[in-house]
N, C-alpha and C. Protein backbone atom coordinates (compact mmCIF):
# COMPACT_ATOMS: atom_id res chain seq x y z
N UNK A 1 118.20 144.75 26.37
CA UNK A 1 119.17 143.79 26.85
C UNK A 1 118.60 143.07 28.07
N UNK A 2 118.72 141.78 28.07
CA UNK A 2 118.21 140.96 29.15
C UNK A 2 119.07 141.09 30.40
N UNK A 3 118.41 141.22 31.54
CA UNK A 3 119.10 141.25 32.81
C UNK A 3 118.38 140.32 33.77
N UNK A 4 119.14 139.62 34.59
CA UNK A 4 118.54 138.71 35.55
C UNK A 4 119.30 138.79 36.86
N UNK A 5 118.54 138.66 37.96
CA UNK A 5 119.12 138.63 39.29
C UNK A 5 118.50 137.47 40.04
N UNK A 6 119.32 136.75 40.78
CA UNK A 6 118.85 135.58 41.50
C UNK A 6 119.25 135.70 42.96
N UNK A 7 118.31 135.39 43.85
CA UNK A 7 118.56 135.52 45.28
C UNK A 7 118.07 134.29 46.03
N UNK A 8 118.78 133.95 47.08
CA UNK A 8 118.30 132.96 48.05
C UNK A 8 117.92 133.74 49.30
N UNK A 9 116.79 133.41 49.86
CA UNK A 9 116.32 134.06 51.08
C UNK A 9 116.29 132.98 52.15
N UNK A 10 117.13 133.14 53.16
CA UNK A 10 117.24 132.13 54.21
C UNK A 10 115.96 132.09 55.03
N UNK A 11 115.76 131.02 55.81
CA UNK A 11 114.58 130.97 56.68
C UNK A 11 114.51 132.14 57.65
N UNK A 12 115.67 132.74 57.96
CA UNK A 12 115.71 133.89 58.86
C UNK A 12 115.45 135.21 58.12
N UNK A 13 115.32 135.15 56.78
CA UNK A 13 115.04 136.35 56.01
C UNK A 13 116.25 137.04 55.44
N UNK A 14 117.44 136.42 55.50
CA UNK A 14 118.66 137.04 54.96
C UNK A 14 118.69 136.83 53.45
N UNK A 15 118.86 137.92 52.72
CA UNK A 15 118.88 137.91 51.26
C UNK A 15 120.32 137.76 50.78
N UNK A 16 120.57 136.74 49.94
CA UNK A 16 121.91 136.52 49.40
C UNK A 16 121.83 136.42 47.88
N UNK A 17 122.62 137.24 47.21
CA UNK A 17 122.68 137.19 45.75
C UNK A 17 123.47 135.94 45.34
N UNK A 18 122.96 135.21 44.35
CA UNK A 18 123.66 134.05 43.81
C UNK A 18 123.78 134.22 42.30
N UNK A 19 124.69 133.47 41.70
CA UNK A 19 125.01 133.69 40.29
C UNK A 19 124.01 133.11 39.30
N UNK A 20 123.36 132.01 39.66
CA UNK A 20 122.50 131.33 38.69
C UNK A 20 121.19 130.88 39.33
N UNK A 21 120.24 130.54 38.48
CA UNK A 21 118.98 129.97 38.95
C UNK A 21 119.26 128.67 39.69
N UNK A 22 120.11 127.83 39.11
CA UNK A 22 120.43 126.55 39.74
C UNK A 22 121.03 126.73 41.12
N UNK A 23 121.89 127.75 41.29
CA UNK A 23 122.49 128.01 42.60
C UNK A 23 121.42 128.44 43.61
N UNK A 24 120.48 129.24 43.15
CA UNK A 24 119.40 129.70 44.05
C UNK A 24 118.53 128.52 44.46
N UNK A 25 118.17 127.68 43.50
CA UNK A 25 117.32 126.52 43.81
C UNK A 25 118.05 125.52 44.70
N UNK A 26 119.34 125.32 44.48
CA UNK A 26 120.12 124.41 45.31
C UNK A 26 120.19 124.92 46.75
N UNK A 27 120.39 126.23 46.91
CA UNK A 27 120.46 126.82 48.26
C UNK A 27 119.13 126.67 48.97
N UNK A 28 118.03 126.77 48.24
CA UNK A 28 116.70 126.68 48.85
C UNK A 28 116.38 125.26 49.32
N UNK A 29 117.07 124.27 48.81
CA UNK A 29 116.82 122.89 49.25
C UNK A 29 117.16 122.73 50.73
N UNK A 30 118.06 123.58 51.24
CA UNK A 30 118.43 123.53 52.66
C UNK A 30 117.53 124.44 53.49
N UNK A 31 116.52 125.01 52.89
CA UNK A 31 115.59 125.88 53.60
C UNK A 31 115.54 127.26 52.96
N UNK A 32 114.48 127.95 53.23
CA UNK A 32 114.30 129.29 52.69
C UNK A 32 113.58 129.27 51.36
N UNK A 33 113.76 130.33 50.60
CA UNK A 33 113.09 130.46 49.32
C UNK A 33 113.99 131.20 48.35
N UNK A 34 113.50 131.37 47.13
CA UNK A 34 114.28 132.08 46.11
C UNK A 34 113.46 133.22 45.52
N UNK A 35 114.15 134.21 45.04
CA UNK A 35 113.55 135.30 44.26
C UNK A 35 114.33 135.33 42.96
N UNK A 36 113.62 135.10 41.84
CA UNK A 36 114.23 135.12 40.52
C UNK A 36 113.65 136.32 39.79
N UNK A 37 114.51 137.26 39.44
CA UNK A 37 114.06 138.52 38.85
C UNK A 37 114.59 138.62 37.43
N UNK A 38 113.69 138.75 36.48
CA UNK A 38 114.07 138.85 35.07
C UNK A 38 113.58 140.18 34.52
N UNK A 39 114.42 140.80 33.72
CA UNK A 39 114.06 142.07 33.08
C UNK A 39 114.43 141.97 31.61
N UNK A 40 113.47 142.21 30.75
CA UNK A 40 113.65 142.14 29.30
C UNK A 40 114.30 140.81 28.90
N UNK A 41 113.76 139.75 29.40
CA UNK A 41 114.31 138.42 29.18
C UNK A 41 113.79 137.80 27.90
N UNK A 42 114.28 136.62 27.60
CA UNK A 42 113.83 135.91 26.42
C UNK A 42 112.90 134.76 26.83
N UNK A 43 112.12 134.32 25.88
CA UNK A 43 111.21 133.19 26.12
C UNK A 43 112.01 131.94 26.49
N UNK A 44 113.17 131.77 25.87
CA UNK A 44 114.01 130.60 26.16
C UNK A 44 114.49 130.60 27.61
N UNK A 45 114.91 131.77 28.11
CA UNK A 45 115.36 131.85 29.51
C UNK A 45 114.24 131.45 30.47
N UNK A 46 113.06 132.01 30.25
CA UNK A 46 111.95 131.72 31.16
C UNK A 46 111.41 130.30 30.98
N UNK A 47 111.51 129.76 29.78
CA UNK A 47 111.02 128.39 29.55
C UNK A 47 111.78 127.38 30.39
N UNK A 48 113.01 127.68 30.75
CA UNK A 48 113.80 126.80 31.61
C UNK A 48 113.17 126.67 33.00
N UNK A 49 112.32 127.63 33.37
CA UNK A 49 111.70 127.59 34.69
C UNK A 49 110.49 126.67 34.76
N UNK A 50 109.95 126.28 33.61
CA UNK A 50 108.74 125.46 33.59
C UNK A 50 108.94 124.18 34.39
N UNK A 51 109.99 123.43 34.07
CA UNK A 51 110.25 122.18 34.80
C UNK A 51 110.83 122.44 36.18
N UNK A 52 111.76 123.40 36.27
CA UNK A 52 112.43 123.66 37.54
C UNK A 52 111.46 124.09 38.64
N UNK A 53 110.42 124.84 38.26
CA UNK A 53 109.48 125.37 39.26
C UNK A 53 108.08 124.79 39.15
N UNK A 54 107.85 123.97 38.16
CA UNK A 54 106.52 123.39 38.00
C UNK A 54 105.50 124.41 37.50
N UNK A 55 105.94 125.34 36.67
CA UNK A 55 105.05 126.36 36.13
C UNK A 55 104.25 125.80 34.96
N UNK A 56 103.09 126.36 34.75
CA UNK A 56 102.31 126.04 33.56
C UNK A 56 102.92 126.81 32.39
N UNK A 57 102.94 126.22 31.22
CA UNK A 57 103.54 126.88 30.05
C UNK A 57 102.88 128.22 29.73
N UNK A 58 101.58 128.35 30.03
CA UNK A 58 100.90 129.62 29.75
C UNK A 58 101.40 130.75 30.64
N UNK A 59 101.94 130.43 31.82
CA UNK A 59 102.50 131.47 32.69
C UNK A 59 103.67 132.16 31.98
N UNK A 60 104.46 131.38 31.25
CA UNK A 60 105.59 131.94 30.50
C UNK A 60 105.08 132.69 29.27
N UNK A 61 104.12 132.12 28.57
CA UNK A 61 103.54 132.78 27.39
C UNK A 61 103.01 134.16 27.76
N UNK A 62 102.35 134.26 28.91
CA UNK A 62 101.75 135.53 29.34
C UNK A 62 102.80 136.62 29.51
N UNK A 63 104.01 136.27 29.83
CA UNK A 63 105.07 137.26 30.03
C UNK A 63 105.40 138.02 28.76
N UNK A 64 105.05 137.45 27.62
CA UNK A 64 105.39 138.08 26.35
C UNK A 64 104.17 138.61 25.60
N UNK A 65 103.04 138.62 26.28
CA UNK A 65 101.80 139.16 25.72
C UNK A 65 101.67 140.61 26.19
N UNK A 66 101.78 141.55 25.26
CA UNK A 66 101.74 142.97 25.61
C UNK A 66 100.41 143.40 26.21
N UNK A 67 99.36 142.64 25.99
CA UNK A 67 98.04 142.98 26.51
C UNK A 67 97.72 142.29 27.83
N UNK A 68 98.65 141.50 28.33
CA UNK A 68 98.42 140.74 29.56
C UNK A 68 98.42 141.67 30.78
N UNK A 69 97.46 141.48 31.65
CA UNK A 69 97.41 142.27 32.87
C UNK A 69 98.35 141.63 33.90
N UNK A 70 98.83 142.39 34.88
CA UNK A 70 99.69 141.81 35.92
C UNK A 70 98.97 140.65 36.61
N UNK A 71 99.71 139.61 36.91
CA UNK A 71 99.12 138.44 37.53
C UNK A 71 99.96 137.92 38.69
N UNK A 72 99.29 137.26 39.59
CA UNK A 72 99.95 136.53 40.67
C UNK A 72 99.34 135.14 40.63
N UNK A 73 100.17 134.15 40.33
CA UNK A 73 99.68 132.78 40.22
C UNK A 73 100.30 131.94 41.32
N UNK A 74 99.46 131.29 42.09
CA UNK A 74 99.92 130.48 43.20
C UNK A 74 99.94 129.02 42.77
N UNK A 75 101.14 128.48 42.57
CA UNK A 75 101.33 127.08 42.20
C UNK A 75 101.64 126.29 43.47
N UNK A 76 101.58 124.95 43.39
CA UNK A 76 101.83 124.14 44.60
C UNK A 76 103.18 124.41 45.27
N UNK A 77 104.22 124.67 44.48
CA UNK A 77 105.55 124.85 45.07
C UNK A 77 106.08 126.28 44.98
N UNK A 78 105.34 127.20 44.38
CA UNK A 78 105.86 128.55 44.21
C UNK A 78 104.73 129.53 43.90
N UNK A 79 105.08 130.80 43.94
CA UNK A 79 104.17 131.86 43.52
C UNK A 79 104.85 132.60 42.38
N UNK A 80 104.15 132.75 41.27
CA UNK A 80 104.68 133.39 40.08
C UNK A 80 104.03 134.76 39.96
N UNK A 81 104.84 135.82 40.02
CA UNK A 81 104.34 137.19 39.91
C UNK A 81 104.82 137.75 38.58
N UNK A 82 103.88 138.19 37.76
CA UNK A 82 104.23 138.76 36.46
C UNK A 82 103.65 140.16 36.38
N UNK A 83 104.51 141.09 36.04
CA UNK A 83 104.04 142.45 35.81
C UNK A 83 105.02 143.15 34.88
N UNK A 84 104.50 143.84 33.92
CA UNK A 84 105.36 144.61 33.04
C UNK A 84 105.61 146.01 33.61
N UNK A 85 104.91 146.35 34.70
CA UNK A 85 105.02 147.70 35.24
C UNK A 85 105.49 147.75 36.69
N UNK A 86 105.53 146.62 37.39
CA UNK A 86 105.90 146.60 38.79
C UNK A 86 107.41 146.66 38.95
N UNK A 87 107.90 147.62 39.67
CA UNK A 87 109.33 147.72 39.93
C UNK A 87 109.53 147.83 41.43
N UNK A 88 110.31 146.91 41.98
CA UNK A 88 110.64 146.95 43.39
C UNK A 88 112.15 146.88 43.51
N UNK A 89 112.74 147.86 44.15
CA UNK A 89 114.17 147.81 44.39
C UNK A 89 114.38 147.17 45.75
N UNK A 90 115.07 146.04 45.76
CA UNK A 90 115.26 145.32 47.01
C UNK A 90 116.52 145.81 47.69
N UNK A 91 116.34 146.53 48.79
CA UNK A 91 117.46 146.94 49.62
C UNK A 91 117.40 146.16 50.92
N UNK A 92 116.21 145.95 51.37
CA UNK A 92 116.00 145.22 52.61
C UNK A 92 114.88 144.23 52.35
N UNK A 93 115.19 142.94 52.47
CA UNK A 93 114.20 141.93 52.11
C UNK A 93 112.94 142.07 52.94
N UNK A 94 113.06 142.36 54.22
CA UNK A 94 111.87 142.47 55.06
C UNK A 94 110.96 143.59 54.56
N UNK A 95 111.55 144.72 54.15
CA UNK A 95 110.74 145.82 53.61
C UNK A 95 110.11 145.41 52.28
N UNK A 96 110.90 144.77 51.41
CA UNK A 96 110.39 144.34 50.11
C UNK A 96 109.28 143.32 50.30
N UNK A 97 109.46 142.42 51.27
CA UNK A 97 108.44 141.41 51.54
C UNK A 97 107.15 142.10 51.97
N UNK A 98 107.26 143.12 52.80
CA UNK A 98 106.10 143.85 53.27
C UNK A 98 105.40 144.57 52.12
N UNK A 99 106.19 145.18 51.23
CA UNK A 99 105.63 145.88 50.07
C UNK A 99 104.91 144.89 49.17
N UNK A 100 105.55 143.74 48.90
CA UNK A 100 104.93 142.72 48.04
C UNK A 100 103.64 142.21 48.65
N UNK A 101 103.67 141.93 49.95
CA UNK A 101 102.47 141.42 50.60
C UNK A 101 101.35 142.44 50.57
N UNK A 102 101.69 143.72 50.76
CA UNK A 102 100.68 144.78 50.70
C UNK A 102 100.08 144.86 49.31
N UNK A 103 100.93 144.76 48.29
CA UNK A 103 100.44 144.82 46.91
C UNK A 103 99.55 143.62 46.61
N UNK A 104 99.96 142.45 47.10
CA UNK A 104 99.18 141.23 46.88
C UNK A 104 97.83 141.35 47.57
N UNK A 105 97.81 141.84 48.81
CA UNK A 105 96.55 141.98 49.54
C UNK A 105 95.63 142.96 48.83
N UNK A 106 96.19 144.07 48.32
CA UNK A 106 95.37 145.05 47.61
C UNK A 106 94.77 144.42 46.34
N UNK A 107 95.57 143.65 45.62
CA UNK A 107 95.07 143.00 44.41
C UNK A 107 94.01 141.95 44.76
N UNK A 108 94.23 141.20 45.84
CA UNK A 108 93.25 140.19 46.25
C UNK A 108 91.92 140.85 46.58
N UNK A 109 91.96 141.98 47.31
CA UNK A 109 90.72 142.69 47.65
C UNK A 109 90.00 143.16 46.38
N UNK A 110 90.77 143.71 45.46
CA UNK A 110 90.18 144.20 44.21
C UNK A 110 89.59 143.04 43.39
N UNK A 111 90.33 141.93 43.31
CA UNK A 111 89.84 140.77 42.57
C UNK A 111 88.59 140.18 43.22
N UNK A 112 88.56 140.16 44.55
CA UNK A 112 87.37 139.67 45.25
C UNK A 112 86.15 140.53 44.90
N UNK A 113 86.35 141.85 44.86
CA UNK A 113 85.25 142.76 44.54
C UNK A 113 84.77 142.54 43.10
N UNK A 114 85.73 142.37 42.17
CA UNK A 114 85.38 142.15 40.78
C UNK A 114 84.64 140.81 40.63
N UNK A 115 85.15 139.78 41.32
CA UNK A 115 84.50 138.47 41.25
C UNK A 115 83.07 138.55 41.79
N UNK A 116 82.88 139.27 42.88
CA UNK A 116 81.54 139.43 43.44
C UNK A 116 80.61 140.13 42.48
N UNK A 117 81.09 141.19 41.85
CA UNK A 117 80.27 141.93 40.89
C UNK A 117 79.93 141.07 39.68
N UNK A 118 80.89 140.28 39.23
CA UNK A 118 80.67 139.42 38.08
C UNK A 118 79.64 138.34 38.41
N UNK A 119 79.74 137.76 39.59
CA UNK A 119 78.79 136.72 39.98
C UNK A 119 77.39 137.29 40.19
N UNK A 120 77.32 138.53 40.67
CA UNK A 120 76.02 139.16 40.92
C UNK A 120 75.31 139.51 39.61
N UNK A 121 76.07 139.93 38.60
CA UNK A 121 75.45 140.32 37.33
C UNK A 121 76.45 140.10 36.21
N UNK A 122 76.56 138.88 35.74
CA UNK A 122 77.54 138.51 34.72
C UNK A 122 77.35 139.29 33.42
N UNK A 123 76.14 139.67 33.09
CA UNK A 123 75.88 140.36 31.82
C UNK A 123 76.49 141.76 31.78
N UNK A 124 76.72 142.36 32.94
CA UNK A 124 77.30 143.71 32.95
C UNK A 124 78.81 143.69 33.16
N UNK A 125 79.39 142.50 33.30
CA UNK A 125 80.83 142.40 33.51
C UNK A 125 81.57 142.76 32.23
N UNK A 126 82.55 143.65 32.33
CA UNK A 126 83.35 144.08 31.19
C UNK A 126 84.82 143.87 31.53
N UNK A 127 85.46 142.80 31.01
CA UNK A 127 86.85 142.51 31.34
C UNK A 127 87.80 143.65 30.97
N UNK A 128 87.46 144.44 29.98
CA UNK A 128 88.33 145.56 29.55
C UNK A 128 88.53 146.56 30.69
N UNK A 129 87.59 146.63 31.62
CA UNK A 129 87.73 147.57 32.74
C UNK A 129 88.85 147.17 33.70
N UNK A 130 89.32 145.92 33.60
CA UNK A 130 90.39 145.45 34.48
C UNK A 130 91.77 145.87 33.98
N UNK A 131 91.87 146.21 32.71
CA UNK A 131 93.16 146.57 32.11
C UNK A 131 93.56 147.96 32.54
N UNK A 132 94.82 148.07 32.93
CA UNK A 132 95.34 149.38 33.35
C UNK A 132 96.49 149.77 32.48
């Protein structure tokens, strides 16, 4: 069963639950940001985000690929985080923000190391080793 949660995060860091994606995006026009959380969603639900957030269509396709590794994609107006295994319970936005940033930094460090190894010796690079 599909479940979705939508939040507006004020410039001061206050997390407010809102009823719809449109309500979250409208609130963000006055400042702050949004967190859109989807669980077991449909392709149609996520496809609505392509225009609203300026996502590439492949970002949505990847959400339904069982072999896709977790990704963090930085678009001009948003950051798209996809993971089939990442679970964060948001009780305090500041704590959740810290957890997300720590996870992002750890992934960036790991990706930098992999990129360096690949550039140093492309013939020994094995993409299958990145899958967890």
